[in-house]
Amino acid sequence: MIRGRNVSFEPIKAAVPIDPGALVMLDRKAAFSDVNLRADRAPFQEVRKQKSSLEIRKMYIVQRTMTFVRGFLLSYGPTKVKKALWDKEFSGDKWNFIDDTADDCIYPHLEKHARGGDILDLGCGPGNTANELADKAYRSYLGVDISESALAKGVRRTNESGRTAKNRFVCSDFLSYMPTQKFDVILFRESMYHIPYGSVMELLNKYSKYLKDGGVFIVRLYLGDRQSGKMKFRVKRKIDLINTKFNVLESIQYDTLGSPTVLVFRPGP
């Protein structure tokens, strides 16, 4: 009963007496229902896990397929297709990580064998060799690459380094390029990856005609994967082929990430 501001409450009496044992049974039923609910959900959770795992596998397969197709086109595709792919990649930031390779193991070999002479760099990319190699190590440098975007970087870097009098660049597919002079060193720094195995001998024999007396080929390849460390068997096949068919002066595998391997060789067994 409420009177004015003084409030009084009368105790509420349960209409039906509550049995404590019944409460225990209700708790048990609730717990049992929760277990059943979790059990009912388990198959759906397992399905979701399987679906997620399947999606990951599909993404992996798609990525591997795209990588294979890209590599196939860069090695076997028509010149126009290869040029379009390389131009797209070099016009973006995909290859920015190679802008500074001054510590590459290739440079001591180049300085030793160039002997202040002339270098032909096949697949030169953005002109790293032309601008990172010691200036006094060579007289002239000619870089050949299929990508105009890559060569634009090489030209810009040459202007910045003040080597415009000795560095030149030509846009061409080096598989079909025909030099107009002879060189002390013909370099395949990264480009050997993109030469089909069946074309390696033909291409090296072709360029042998453009070596000066005492001139050499220099090839640098990563024998191991730089992420997984696993050996690249297609790369090893090319290295074994060169070791077998040419007069190899130096064959050095460096104990660093990716196992970079440098081969210095001349025509002849």
Protein backbone atom coordinates (compact mmCIF):
# COMPACT_ATOMS: atom_id res chain seq x y z
CA MET A 1 0.00 0.00 0.00
CA ILE A 2 1.32 3.51 -0.95
CA ARG A 3 0.47 6.59 1.12
CA GLY A 4 1.91 10.04 0.21
CA ARG A 5 5.68 9.82 0.00
CA ASN A 6 6.01 6.94 2.41
CA VAL A 7 6.35 3.75 0.47
CA SER A 8 5.91 0.39 2.04
CA PHE A 9 6.20 -3.00 0.36
CA GLU A 10 4.41 -6.13 1.26
CA PRO A 11 6.34 -9.38 0.76
CA ILE A 12 5.41 -11.26 -2.40
CA LYS A 13 4.25 -14.75 -1.78
CA ALA A 14 4.90 -17.35 -4.43
CA ALA A 15 1.74 -18.75 -5.87
CA VAL A 16 3.39 -22.15 -6.15
CA PRO A 17 6.10 -23.40 -3.80
CA ILE A 18 9.49 -23.85 -5.57
CA ASP A 19 11.20 -27.18 -5.17
CA PRO A 20 15.05 -26.73 -4.96
CA GLY A 21 15.45 -30.10 -6.61
CA ALA A 22 13.51 -28.85 -9.61
CA LEU A 23 15.97 -25.95 -10.00
CA VAL A 24 18.84 -28.42 -10.10
CA MET A 25 17.06 -30.40 -12.81
CA LEU A 26 16.49 -27.22 -14.82
CA ASP A 27 20.19 -26.38 -14.59
CA ARG A 28 21.09 -29.86 -15.79
CA LYS A 29 18.65 -29.63 -18.70
CA ALA A 30 20.06 -26.25 -19.68
CA ALA A 31 23.60 -27.59 -19.55
CA PHE A 32 22.61 -30.65 -21.57
CA SER A 33 20.91 -28.43 -24.17
CA ASP A 34 24.10 -26.31 -24.43
CA VAL A 35 26.17 -29.43 -25.03
CA ASN A 36 23.74 -30.57 -27.70
CA LEU A 37 23.86 -27.12 -29.30
CA ARG A 38 27.65 -27.22 -29.44
CA ALA A 39 27.48 -30.75 -30.83
CA ASP A 40 25.02 -29.59 -33.49
CA ARG A 41 27.35 -26.74 -34.43
CA ALA A 42 30.46 -28.92 -34.66
CA PRO A 43 29.74 -30.29 -38.17
CA PHE A 44 29.11 -26.78 -39.48
CA GLN A 45 32.36 -25.54 -37.93
CA GLU A 46 34.21 -28.44 -39.53
CA VAL A 47 32.62 -27.61 -42.89
CA ARG A 48 33.75 -23.99 -42.52
CA LYS A 49 37.29 -25.13 -41.74
CA GLN A 50 37.32 -27.43 -44.75
CA LYS A 51 35.91 -24.69 -46.94
CA SER A 52 38.56 -22.24 -45.73
CA SER A 53 41.32 -24.82 -46.35
CA LEU A 54 39.93 -25.49 -49.83
CA GLU A 55 39.87 -21.77 -50.64
CA ILE A 56 43.50 -21.44 -49.52
CA ARG A 57 44.49 -24.36 -51.76
CA LYS A 58 42.60 -22.83 -54.67
CA MET A 59 44.36 -19.48 -54.15
CA TYR A 60 47.72 -21.27 -54.04
CA ILE A 61 46.95 -23.14 -57.26
CA VAL A 62 45.84 -19.92 -58.97
CA GLN A 63 48.99 -18.11 -57.84
CA ARG A 64 51.25 -20.95 -58.98
CA THR A 65 49.45 -21.08 -62.32
CA MET A 66 49.83 -17.33 -62.85
CA THR A 67 53.53 -17.54 -61.96
CA PHE A 68 54.02 -20.40 -64.41
CA VAL A 69 52.16 -18.58 -67.20
CA ARG A 70 54.18 -15.41 -66.59
CA GLY A 71 57.47 -17.31 -66.68
CA PHE A 72 56.41 -19.21 -69.79
CA LEU A 73 55.46 -16.01 -71.64
CA LEU A 74 58.68 -14.22 -70.63
CA SER A 75 60.73 -17.12 -72.01
CA TYR A 76 58.68 -18.36 -74.95
CA GLY A 77 56.19 -15.59 -75.72
CA PRO A 78 56.26 -13.28 -78.75
CA THR A 79 58.44 -10.19 -78.41
CA LYS A 80 55.41 -7.89 -78.20
CA VAL A 81 53.96 -9.88 -75.30
CA LYS A 82 57.27 -9.98 -73.42
CA LYS A 83 57.76 -6.25 -73.93
CA ALA A 84 54.26 -5.46 -72.67
CA LEU A 85 54.78 -7.59 -69.53
CA TRP A 86 58.19 -6.11 -68.70
CA ASP A 87 57.05 -2.55 -69.38
CA LYS A 88 54.08 -2.99 -67.07
CA GLU A 89 56.25 -4.37 -64.26
CA PHE A 90 59.04 -1.79 -64.58
CA SER A 91 56.60 1.12 -64.86
CA GLY A 92 55.27 0.15 -61.42
CA ASP A 93 57.11 -0.61 -58.20
CA LYS A 94 57.47 -4.40 -58.61
CA TRP A 95 61.21 -4.20 -59.28
CA ASN A 96 62.11 -1.23 -57.09
CA PHE A 97 63.84 -3.59 -54.65
CA ILE A 98 66.69 -4.09 -57.16
CA ASP A 99 67.46 -0.38 -57.47
CA ASP A 100 70.50 -0.80 -55.23
CA THR A 101 72.63 -3.90 -55.87
CA ALA A 102 76.06 -2.42 -55.24
CA ASP A 103 77.03 -5.40 -53.08
CA ASP A 104 76.28 -7.96 -55.81
CA CYS A 105 78.94 -10.67 -56.08
CA ILE A 106 79.11 -10.10 -59.85
CA TYR A 107 81.15 -6.88 -59.66
CA PRO A 108 84.57 -8.25 -58.66
CA HIS A 109 84.36 -10.69 -61.59
CA LEU A 110 83.38 -7.92 -64.00
CA GLU A 111 86.21 -5.64 -62.85
CA LYS A 112 88.72 -8.47 -63.22
CA HIS A 113 87.73 -9.53 -66.73
CA ALA A 114 86.58 -6.27 -68.32
CA ARG A 115 90.15 -4.98 -67.98
CA GLY A 116 89.08 -1.43 -68.70
CA GLY A 117 87.42 -2.56 -71.93
CA ASP A 118 83.97 -2.94 -73.46
CA ILE A 119 80.93 -4.62 -71.88
CA LEU A 120 77.74 -5.91 -73.48
CA ASP A 121 74.99 -6.43 -70.87
CA LEU A 122 72.14 -8.57 -72.25
CA GLY A 123 68.91 -8.04 -70.33
CA CYS A 124 70.34 -5.03 -68.50
CA GLY A 125 67.12 -3.95 -66.77
CA PRO A 126 67.24 -0.52 -65.11
CA GLY A 127 70.98 -0.06 -65.66
CA ASN A 128 72.38 -1.28 -62.34
CA THR A 129 75.61 -2.61 -63.82
CA ALA A 130 76.16 0.51 -65.90
CA ASN A 131 76.06 2.74 -62.84
CA GLU A 132 77.23 0.55 -59.95
CA LEU A 133 80.33 -0.97 -61.55
CA ALA A 134 83.48 1.03 -60.76
CA ASP A 135 83.85 3.77 -63.37
CA LYS A 136 87.49 2.93 -64.07
CA ALA A 137 86.70 -0.77 -64.62
CA TYR A 138 85.43 -0.31 -68.20
CA ARG A 139 85.74 1.91 -71.28
CA SER A 140 82.28 1.48 -72.77
CA TYR A 141 79.03 -0.19 -71.78
CA LEU A 142 76.11 -1.24 -73.96
CA GLY A 143 72.94 -2.39 -72.22
CA VAL A 144 70.24 -4.24 -74.16
CA ASP A 145 66.74 -4.74 -72.79
CA ILE A 146 63.27 -5.32 -74.16
CA SER A 147 61.61 -2.89 -71.72
CA GLU A 148 61.55 0.82 -72.52
CA SER A 149 60.42 1.49 -68.95
CA ALA A 150 63.49 -0.27 -67.55
CA LEU A 151 65.82 1.52 -69.97
CA ALA A 152 64.31 4.89 -69.04
CA LYS A 153 65.50 4.26 -65.48
CA GLY A 154 68.93 3.28 -66.77
CA VAL A 155 69.23 6.46 -68.83
CA ARG A 156 68.12 8.60 -65.89
CA ARG A 157 70.63 6.97 -63.56
CA THR A 158 73.37 7.39 -66.17
CA ASN A 159 72.62 11.11 -66.40
CA GLU A 160 72.76 11.35 -62.62
CA SER A 161 76.06 9.45 -62.39
CA GLY A 162 77.69 11.50 -65.15
CA ARG A 163 78.47 8.46 -67.33
CA THR A 164 76.64 9.52 -70.49
CA ALA A 165 79.91 9.45 -72.49
CA LYS A 166 80.46 5.73 -71.87
CA ASN A 167 77.00 4.20 -71.22
CA ARG A 168 74.58 3.41 -74.05
CA PHE A 169 71.28 1.55 -74.11
CA VAL A 170 69.35 -0.24 -76.85
CA CYS A 171 65.73 -1.41 -76.69
CA SER A 172 65.62 -4.88 -78.21
CA ASP A 173 64.87 -8.51 -77.44
CA PHE A 174 68.37 -9.84 -76.75
CA LEU A 175 67.37 -13.23 -78.18
CA SER A 176 67.34 -11.63 -81.64
CA TYR A 177 69.68 -8.66 -81.12
CA MET A 178 72.69 -8.39 -83.43
CA PRO A 179 75.69 -6.43 -82.06
CA THR A 180 77.77 -4.18 -84.30
CA GLN A 181 81.08 -4.56 -82.44
CA LYS A 182 83.04 -6.99 -80.28
CA PHE A 183 83.33 -6.93 -76.50
CA ASP A 184 85.68 -7.95 -73.71
CA VAL A 185 82.76 -9.16 -71.59
CA ILE A 186 79.29 -10.30 -72.56
CA LEU A 187 77.17 -10.39 -69.42
CA PHE A 188 74.03 -12.37 -68.60
CA ARG A 189 73.38 -11.07 -65.12
CA GLU A 190 69.70 -12.02 -64.68
CA SER A 191 68.66 -12.76 -68.23
CA MET A 192 69.83 -16.37 -68.42
CA TYR A 193 66.68 -17.30 -66.45
CA HIS A 194 64.56 -16.31 -69.44
CA ILE A 195 66.44 -18.27 -72.09
CA PRO A 196 64.74 -21.61 -72.84
CA TYR A 197 67.08 -24.48 -72.03
CA GLY A 198 66.98 -25.69 -75.63
CA SER A 199 68.14 -22.26 -76.86
CA VAL A 200 71.07 -21.73 -74.48
CA MET A 201 73.74 -23.29 -76.70
CA GLU A 202 72.46 -21.63 -79.86
CA LEU A 203 72.41 -18.20 -78.23
CA LEU A 204 75.86 -18.51 -76.64
CA ASN A 205 77.34 -19.76 -79.91
CA LYS A 206 75.80 -16.79 -81.68
CA TYR A 207 77.25 -14.26 -79.23
CA SER A 208 80.63 -16.03 -79.17
CA LYS A 209 81.33 -14.31 -82.49
CA TYR A 210 81.17 -10.96 -80.73
CA LEU A 211 83.80 -11.69 -78.11
CA LYS A 212 87.21 -10.14 -78.55
CA ASP A 213 90.28 -12.35 -78.37
CA GLY A 214 90.57 -13.26 -74.70
CA GLY A 215 86.99 -12.08 -74.08
CA VAL A 216 84.63 -13.95 -71.76
CA PHE A 217 81.01 -14.60 -70.98
CA ILE A 218 79.95 -13.92 -67.40
CA VAL A 219 76.71 -15.44 -66.08
CA ARG A 220 75.21 -14.97 -62.63
CA LEU A 221 72.35 -17.19 -61.50
CA TYR A 222 70.72 -17.94 -58.15
CA LEU A 223 70.94 -21.70 -57.76
CA GLY A 224 68.62 -21.74 -54.75
CA ASP A 225 65.24 -20.16 -54.12
CA ARG A 226 65.79 -17.01 -52.06
CA GLN A 227 62.70 -17.72 -49.94
CA SER A 228 62.59 -21.48 -49.46
CA GLY A 229 66.27 -22.23 -50.07
CA LYS A 230 65.37 -25.17 -52.32
CA MET A 231 67.54 -25.85 -55.32
CA LYS A 232 66.23 -24.67 -58.69
CA PHE A 233 66.73 -27.71 -60.91
CA ARG A 234 66.16 -25.81 -64.16
CA VAL A 235 68.89 -23.38 -63.17
CA LYS A 236 71.20 -26.24 -62.26
CA ARG A 237 70.65 -27.79 -65.69
CA LYS A 238 71.84 -24.60 -67.36
CA ILE A 239 74.89 -24.37 -65.09
CA ASP A 240 75.75 -28.02 -65.80
CA LEU A 241 75.36 -27.41 -69.54
CA ILE A 242 77.79 -24.49 -69.48
CA ASN A 243 80.27 -26.43 -67.36
CA THR A 244 80.16 -29.27 -69.89
CA LYS A 245 80.19 -27.41 -73.20
CA PHE A 246 82.44 -24.42 -72.55
CA ASN A 247 85.90 -23.59 -71.27
CA VAL A 248 85.00 -22.51 -67.74
CA LEU A 249 87.58 -20.24 -66.10
CA GLU A 250 85.68 -19.57 -62.89
CA SER A 251 82.70 -21.28 -61.29
CA ILE A 252 81.95 -19.93 -57.84
CA GLN A 253 78.91 -20.56 -55.70
CA TYR A 254 78.60 -18.01 -52.90
CA ASP A 255 77.39 -19.04 -49.46
CA THR A 256 74.75 -16.34 -49.19
CA LEU A 257 70.97 -16.18 -49.56
CA GLY A 258 69.88 -17.97 -52.74
CA SER A 259 73.33 -19.46 -53.43
CA PRO A 260 74.33 -16.98 -56.18
CA THR A 261 76.62 -18.68 -58.68
CA VAL A 262 78.98 -16.90 -61.06
CA LEU A 263 80.36 -18.57 -64.18
CA VAL A 264 83.15 -17.06 -66.27
CA PHE A 265 83.80 -18.96 -69.50
CA ARG A 266 84.90 -18.92 -73.13
CA PRO A 267 83.88 -20.90 -76.19
CA GLY A 268 85.32 -24.37 -76.43
CA PRO A 269 85.39 -27.36 -74.06
